[in-house]
C-alpha atoms as a PDB file:
ATOM      1  CA  UNK A   1      10.843  -4.469  14.559  1.00  0.00           C
ATOM      2  CA  UNK A   2       8.508  -3.865  11.625  1.00  0.00           C
ATOM      3  CA  UNK A   3       7.935  -6.475   8.925  1.00  0.00           C
ATOM      4  CA  UNK A   4      10.176  -4.753   6.381  1.00  0.00           C
ATOM      5  CA  UNK A   5      12.998  -4.605   8.885  1.00  0.00           C
ATOM      6  CA  UNK A   6      12.592  -8.321   9.593  1.00  0.00           C
ATOM      7  CA  UNK A   7      13.020  -9.046   5.866  1.00  0.00           C
ATOM      8  CA  UNK A   8      16.107  -6.757   5.694  1.00  0.00           C
ATOM      9  CA  UNK A   9      17.604  -8.542   8.742  1.00  0.00           C
ATOM     10  CA  UNK A  10      17.043 -11.910   7.072  1.00  0.00           C
ATOM     11  CA  UNK A  11      18.508 -10.890   3.689  1.00  0.00           C
ATOM     12  CA  UNK A  12      21.411  -8.746   4.987  1.00  0.00           C
ATOM     13  CA  UNK A  13      23.728 -11.634   6.038  1.00  0.00           C
ATOM     14  CA  UNK A  14      23.201 -13.335   2.645  1.00  0.00           C
ATOM     15  CA  UNK A  15      23.643 -10.162   0.545  1.00  0.00           C
ATOM     16  CA  UNK A  16      25.978  -8.059   2.645  1.00  0.00           C
ATOM     17  CA  UNK A  17      28.845  -8.264   0.112  1.00  0.00           C
ATOM     18  CA  UNK A  18      26.603  -6.949  -2.653  1.00  0.00           C
ATOM     19  CA  UNK A  19      23.978  -4.648  -1.140  1.00  0.00           C
ATOM     20  CA  UNK A  20      23.690  -2.355   1.833  1.00  0.00           C
ATOM     21  CA  UNK A  21      20.753  -2.745   4.216  1.00  0.00           C
ATOM     22  CA  UNK A  22      19.326   0.530   2.895  1.00  0.00           C
ATOM     23  CA  UNK A  23      19.518  -0.737  -0.700  1.00  0.00           C
ATOM     24  CA  UNK A  24      17.826  -3.996   0.371  1.00  0.00           C
ATOM     25  CA  UNK A  25      15.030  -2.074   2.118  1.00  0.00           C
ATOM     26  CA  UNK A  26      14.436   0.138  -0.933  1.00  0.00           C
ATOM     27  CA  UNK A  27      14.020  -2.912  -3.165  1.00  0.00           C
ATOM     28  CA  UNK A  28      11.503  -4.707  -0.965  1.00  0.00           C
ATOM     29  CA  UNK A  29       7.977  -4.487  -2.310  1.00  0.00           C
ATOM     30  CA  UNK A  30       4.472  -5.722  -1.567  1.00  0.00           C
ATOM     31  CA  UNK A  31       3.458  -8.485  -4.096  1.00  0.00           C
ATOM     32  CA  UNK A  32       0.445  -7.705  -6.210  1.00  0.00           C
ATOM     33  CA  UNK A  33      -1.188 -11.006  -5.272  1.00  0.00           C
ATOM     34  CA  UNK A  34      -1.658 -12.213  -1.674  1.00  0.00           C
ATOM     35  CA  UNK A  35      -0.729 -15.780  -2.636  1.00  0.00           C
ATOM     36  CA  UNK A  36       2.766 -14.467  -3.394  1.00  0.00           C
ATOM     37  CA  UNK A  37       3.404 -13.591   0.216  1.00  0.00           C
ATOM     38  CA  UNK A  38       3.426 -10.411   2.270  1.00  0.00           C
ATOM     39  CA  UNK A  39       6.718  -8.913   1.104  1.00  0.00           C
ATOM     40  CA  UNK A  40       8.980  -9.671  -1.840  1.00  0.00           C
ATOM     41  CA  UNK A  41      12.550  -8.999  -2.789  1.00  0.00           C
ATOM     42  CA  UNK A  42      13.409  -8.774  -6.521  1.00  0.00           C
ATOM     43  CA  UNK A  43      16.831 -10.159  -7.411  1.00  0.00           C
ATOM     44  CA  UNK A  44      17.166  -8.650 -10.886  1.00  0.00           C
ATOM     45  CA  UNK A  45      19.892  -6.307  -9.700  1.00  0.00           C
ATOM     46  CA  UNK A  46      22.035  -9.262  -8.634  1.00  0.00           C
ATOM     47  CA  UNK A  47      22.011 -11.040 -11.972  1.00  0.00           C
ATOM     48  CA  UNK A  48      25.082  -9.197 -13.274  1.00  0.00           C
ATOM     49  CA  UNK A  49      26.986  -9.777 -10.042  1.00  0.00           C
ATOM     50  CA  UNK A  50      26.270 -13.483  -9.777  1.00  0.00           C
ATOM     51  CA  UNK A  51      26.219 -14.020 -13.534  1.00  0.00           C
ATOM     52  CA  UNK A  52      23.117 -16.232 -13.217  1.00  0.00           C
ATOM     53  CA  UNK A  53      19.488 -16.124 -14.125  1.00  0.00           C
ATOM     54  CA  UNK A  54      17.367 -14.150 -11.621  1.00  0.00           C
ATOM     55  CA  UNK A  55      15.248 -17.311 -10.924  1.00  0.00           C
ATOM     56  CA  UNK A  56      18.360 -19.256  -9.899  1.00  0.00           C
ATOM     57  CA  UNK A  57      19.592 -16.398  -7.717  1.00  0.00           C
ATOM     58  CA  UNK A  58      16.160 -16.177  -6.004  1.00  0.00           C
ATOM     59  CA  UNK A  59      16.248 -19.884  -5.251  1.00  0.00           C
ATOM     60  CA  UNK A  60      19.739 -19.681  -3.748  1.00  0.00           C
ATOM     61  CA  UNK A  61      18.917 -16.651  -1.632  1.00  0.00           C
ATOM     62  CA  UNK A  62      15.657 -18.210  -0.395  1.00  0.00           C
ATOM     63  CA  UNK A  63      17.590 -21.324   0.720  1.00  0.00           C
ATOM     64  CA  UNK A  64      20.241 -19.281   2.542  1.00  0.00           C
ATOM     65  CA  UNK A  65      17.916 -16.901   4.395  1.00  0.00           C
ATOM     66  CA  UNK A  66      17.141 -17.565   8.080  1.00  0.00           C
ATOM     67  CA  UNK A  67      13.453 -18.211   7.728  1.00  0.00           C
ATOM     68  CA  UNK A  68      12.770 -18.689  11.479  1.00  0.00           C
ATOM     69  CA  UNK A  69      10.928 -15.353  11.747  1.00  0.00           C
ATOM     70  CA  UNK A  70       8.581 -16.164   8.840  1.00  0.00           C
ATOM     71  CA  UNK A  71       5.956 -18.796   8.080  1.00  0.00           C
ATOM     72  CA  UNK A  72       7.944 -19.437   4.934  1.00  0.00           C
ATOM     73  CA  UNK A  73      10.380 -17.959   2.496  1.00  0.00           C
ATOM     74  CA  UNK A  74      10.166 -19.120  -1.107  1.00  0.00           C
ATOM     75  CA  UNK A  75      11.588 -18.231  -4.440  1.00  0.00           C
ATOM     76  CA  UNK A  76       8.906 -17.322  -6.987  1.00  0.00           C
ATOM     77  CA  UNK A  77      10.468 -16.620 -10.297  1.00  0.00           C
ATOM     78  CA  UNK A  78      12.964 -13.729  -9.863  1.00  0.00           C
ATOM     79  CA  UNK A  79      11.614 -12.836  -6.397  1.00  0.00           C
ATOM     80  CA  UNK A  80      12.265 -14.083  -2.881  1.00  0.00           C
ATOM     81  CA  UNK A  81       8.871 -13.965  -1.263  1.00  0.00           C
ATOM     82  CA  UNK A  82       8.316 -13.725   2.498  1.00  0.00           C
ATOM     83  CA  UNK A  83       5.165 -14.973   4.237  1.00  0.00           C
ATOM     84  CA  UNK A  84       4.915 -13.291   7.687  1.00  0.00           C
ATOM     85  CA  UNK A  85       3.914 -15.078  10.822  1.00  0.00           C
ATOM     86  CA  UNK A  86       0.359 -13.689  11.265  1.00  0.00           C
ATOM     87  CA  UNK A  87       0.290 -13.991  15.044  1.00  0.00           C
ATOM     88  CA  UNK A  88       3.565 -12.080  15.421  1.00  0.00           C
ATOM     89  CA  UNK A  89       2.386  -9.340  13.082  1.00  0.00           C
ATOM     90  CA  UNK A  90      -0.926  -8.946  14.885  1.00  0.00           C
ATOM     91  CA  UNK A  91       0.832  -8.906  18.250  1.00  0.00           C
ATOM     92  CA  UNK A  92       3.342  -6.325  17.105  1.00  0.00           C
ATOM     93  CA  UNK A  93       0.553  -4.110  15.674  1.00  0.00           C
ATOM     94  CA  UNK A  94      -1.475  -4.341  18.879  1.00  0.00           C
ATOM     95  CA  UNK A  95       1.510  -3.320  20.985  1.00  0.00           C
ATOM     96  CA  UNK A  96       2.249  -0.383  18.675  1.00  0.00           C
ATOM     97  CA  UNK A  97      -1.359   0.874  18.821  1.00  0.00           C
ATOM     98  CA  UNK A  98      -1.607   0.346  22.592  1.00  0.00           C
ATOM     99  CA  UNK A  99       1.546   2.415  23.025  1.00  0.00           C
ATOM    100  CA  UNK A 100      -0.300   5.259  21.269  1.00  0.00           C
ATOM    101  CA  UNK A 101       1.672   5.077  18.059  1.00  0.00           C
ATOM    102  CA  UNK A 102       0.284   4.655  14.559  1.00  0.00           C
ATOM    103  CA  UNK A 103       0.591   1.505  12.443  1.00  0.00           C
ATOM    104  CA  UNK A 104       0.205   1.519   8.695  1.00  0.00           C
ATOM    105  CA  UNK A 105       0.102  -1.669   6.659  1.00  0.00           C
ATOM    106  CA  UNK A 106       2.305  -1.886   3.568  1.00  0.00           C
ATOM    107  CA  UNK A 107      -0.807  -2.593   1.501  1.00  0.00           C
ATOM    108  CA  UNK A 108      -2.492   0.584   2.729  1.00  0.00           C
ATOM    109  CA  UNK A 109       0.601   2.665   2.089  1.00  0.00           C
ATOM    110  CA  UNK A 110       0.892   1.263  -1.426  1.00  0.00           C
ATOM    111  CA  UNK A 111      -2.781   2.178  -2.140  1.00  0.00           C
ATOM    112  CA  UNK A 112      -2.207   5.654  -0.795  1.00  0.00           C
ATOM    113  CA  UNK A 113       0.971   6.168  -2.799  1.00  0.00           C
ATOM    114  CA  UNK A 114      -0.237   4.651  -6.042  1.00  0.00           C
ATOM    115  CA  UNK A 115      -3.868   5.819  -6.070  1.00  0.00           C
ATOM    116  CA  UNK A 116      -3.885   9.581  -6.181  1.00  0.00           C
ATOM    117  CA  UNK A 117      -7.089  11.593  -5.732  1.00  0.00           C
ATOM    118  CA  UNK A 118      -9.176  11.052  -8.895  1.00  0.00           C
ATOM    119  CA  UNK A 119     -11.381  14.072  -8.207  1.00  0.00           C
ATOM    120  CA  UNK A 120     -11.044  17.520  -9.805  1.00  0.00           C
ATOM    121  CA  UNK A 121     -10.853  20.625  -7.617  1.00  0.00           C
ATOM    122  CA  UNK A 122     -14.472  21.438  -8.440  1.00  0.00           C
ATOM    123  CA  UNK A 123     -15.618  17.939  -7.522  1.00  0.00           C
ATOM    124  CA  UNK A 124     -13.802  18.220  -4.224  1.00  0.00           C
ATOM    125  CA  UNK A 125     -15.559  21.524  -3.590  1.00  0.00           C
ATOM    126  CA  UNK A 126     -18.938  19.838  -4.284  1.00  0.00           C
ATOM    127  CA  UNK A 127     -17.963  16.897  -2.062  1.00  0.00           C
ATOM    128  CA  UNK A 128     -17.128  19.250   0.789  1.00  0.00           C
ATOM    129  CA  UNK A 129     -20.623  20.561   0.578  1.00  0.00           C
ATOM    130  CA  UNK A 130     -21.987  17.025   0.597  1.00  0.00           C
ATOM    131  CA  UNK A 131     -19.862  16.235   3.664  1.00  0.00           C
ATOM    132  CA  UNK A 132     -21.366  19.274   5.384  1.00  0.00           C
ATOM    133  CA  UNK A 133     -24.851  17.870   4.688  1.00  0.00           C
ATOM    134  CA  UNK A 134     -25.802  20.529   2.116  1.00  0.00           C
ATOM    135  CA  UNK A 135     -28.359  19.877  -0.580  1.00  0.00           C
ATOM    136  CA  UNK A 136     -27.471  20.174  -4.261  1.00  0.00           C
ATOM    137  CA  UNK A 137     -29.197  23.557  -4.398  1.00  0.00           C
ATOM    138  CA  UNK A 138     -27.325  24.824  -1.346  1.00  0.00           C
ATOM    139  CA  UNK A 139     -24.023  23.619  -2.921  1.00  0.00           C
ATOM    140  CA  UNK A 140     -24.997  25.276  -6.204  1.00  0.00           C
ATOM    141  CA  UNK A 141     -25.716  28.581  -4.441  1.00  0.00           C
ATOM    142  CA  UNK A 142     -22.508  28.423  -2.489  1.00  0.00           C
ATOM    143  CA  UNK A 143     -20.315  27.648  -5.587  1.00  0.00           C
ATOM    144  CA  UNK A 144     -22.281  29.870  -7.986  1.00  0.00           C
ATOM    145  CA  UNK A 145     -23.332  26.927 -10.136  1.00  0.00           C
ATOM    146  CA  UNK A 146     -26.632  25.676 -11.442  1.00  0.00           C
ATOM    147  CA  UNK A 147     -28.423  22.845  -9.663  1.00  0.00           C
ATOM    148  CA  UNK A 148     -28.012  20.678 -12.786  1.00  0.00           C
ATOM    149  CA  UNK A 149     -24.252  21.231 -12.864  1.00  0.00           C
ATOM    150  CA  UNK A 150     -23.978  20.207  -9.208  1.00  0.00           C
ATOM    151  CA  UNK A 151     -26.094  17.135  -9.990  1.00  0.00           C
ATOM    152  CA  UNK A 152     -23.668  16.241 -12.828  1.00  0.00           C
ATOM    153  CA  UNK A 153     -20.676  16.691 -10.512  1.00  0.00           C
ATOM    154  CA  UNK A 154     -22.343  14.428  -7.913  1.00  0.00           C
ATOM    155  CA  UNK A 155     -22.887  11.745 -10.599  1.00  0.00           C
ATOM    156  CA  UNK A 156     -19.187  11.975 -11.614  1.00  0.00           C
ATOM    157  CA  UNK A 157     -18.056  11.810  -7.970  1.00  0.00           C
ATOM    158  CA  UNK A 158     -20.202   8.679  -7.308  1.00  0.00           C
ATOM    159  CA  UNK A 159     -18.810   7.044 -10.426  1.00  0.00           C
ATOM    160  CA  UNK A 160     -15.163   7.907  -9.761  1.00  0.00           C
ATOM    161  CA  UNK A 161     -15.292   6.744  -6.117  1.00  0.00           C
ATOM    162  CA  UNK A 162     -17.519   3.710  -6.916  1.00  0.00           C
ATOM    163  CA  UNK A 163     -19.837   4.948  -4.208  1.00  0.00           C
ATOM    164  CA  UNK A 164     -23.504   4.003  -3.867  1.00  0.00           C
ATOM    165  CA  UNK A 165     -24.640   7.324  -2.426  1.00  0.00           C
ATOM    166  CA  UNK A 166     -23.541  10.809  -1.395  1.00  0.00           C
ATOM    167  CA  UNK A 167     -22.739   9.861   2.221  1.00  0.00           C
ATOM    168  CA  UNK A 168     -20.592   6.919   1.101  1.00  0.00           C
ATOM    169  CA  UNK A 169     -18.709   9.174  -1.369  1.00  0.00           C
ATOM    170  CA  UNK A 170     -17.969  11.654   1.448  1.00  0.00           C
ATOM    171  CA  UNK A 171     -16.784   8.864   3.728  1.00  0.00           C
ATOM    172  CA  UNK A 172     -14.520   7.388   1.051  1.00  0.00           C
ATOM    173  CA  UNK A 173     -12.971  10.763   0.395  1.00  0.00           C
ATOM    174  CA  UNK A 174     -12.444  11.433   4.094  1.00  0.00           C
ATOM    175  CA  UNK A 175     -10.846   7.977   4.682  1.00  0.00           C
ATOM    176  CA  UNK A 176      -8.618   8.531   1.687  1.00  0.00           C
ATOM    177  CA  UNK A 177      -7.484  11.925   3.034  1.00  0.00           C
ATOM    178  CA  UNK A 178      -8.962  13.906   0.117  1.00  0.00           C
ATOM    179  CA  UNK A 179     -11.214  16.036   2.262  1.00  0.00           C
END
């Protein structure tokens, strides 16, 4: 069972009258700050149903949830925040990987989904040349550009990717799936 499923399973008995498991799963998010837990469930949608302030609803839900599968479950403002048991998460991830399957962290997926490729098509073309080990002049010849133009593209790429050098820029782009 993945972490999000564990949160859905914990919330479902408490919210079954008001939300489906699918609706609960769609609302679960990764908090922007690690000190707010690993996963969070916003209760704004329940304010009209319960006719209470979201903070009060979050507190009630947090108290009713079976927290045995988590280090802790706490209300933080209008959110019910879940702190996962680290050992269990690591164990589950190891088993998944050892079975030959892939495991993606929610944090990584959020970065991938919310941080699109900042490079232009031309910058990607230059970066492909860099990844192939080509010099600026070789890239310029291949793309029918001047050496100075390629140098400017390289400067922009390094800046956009916050990379210290050409190799680091190529590695960042490869890891991000942009090459």
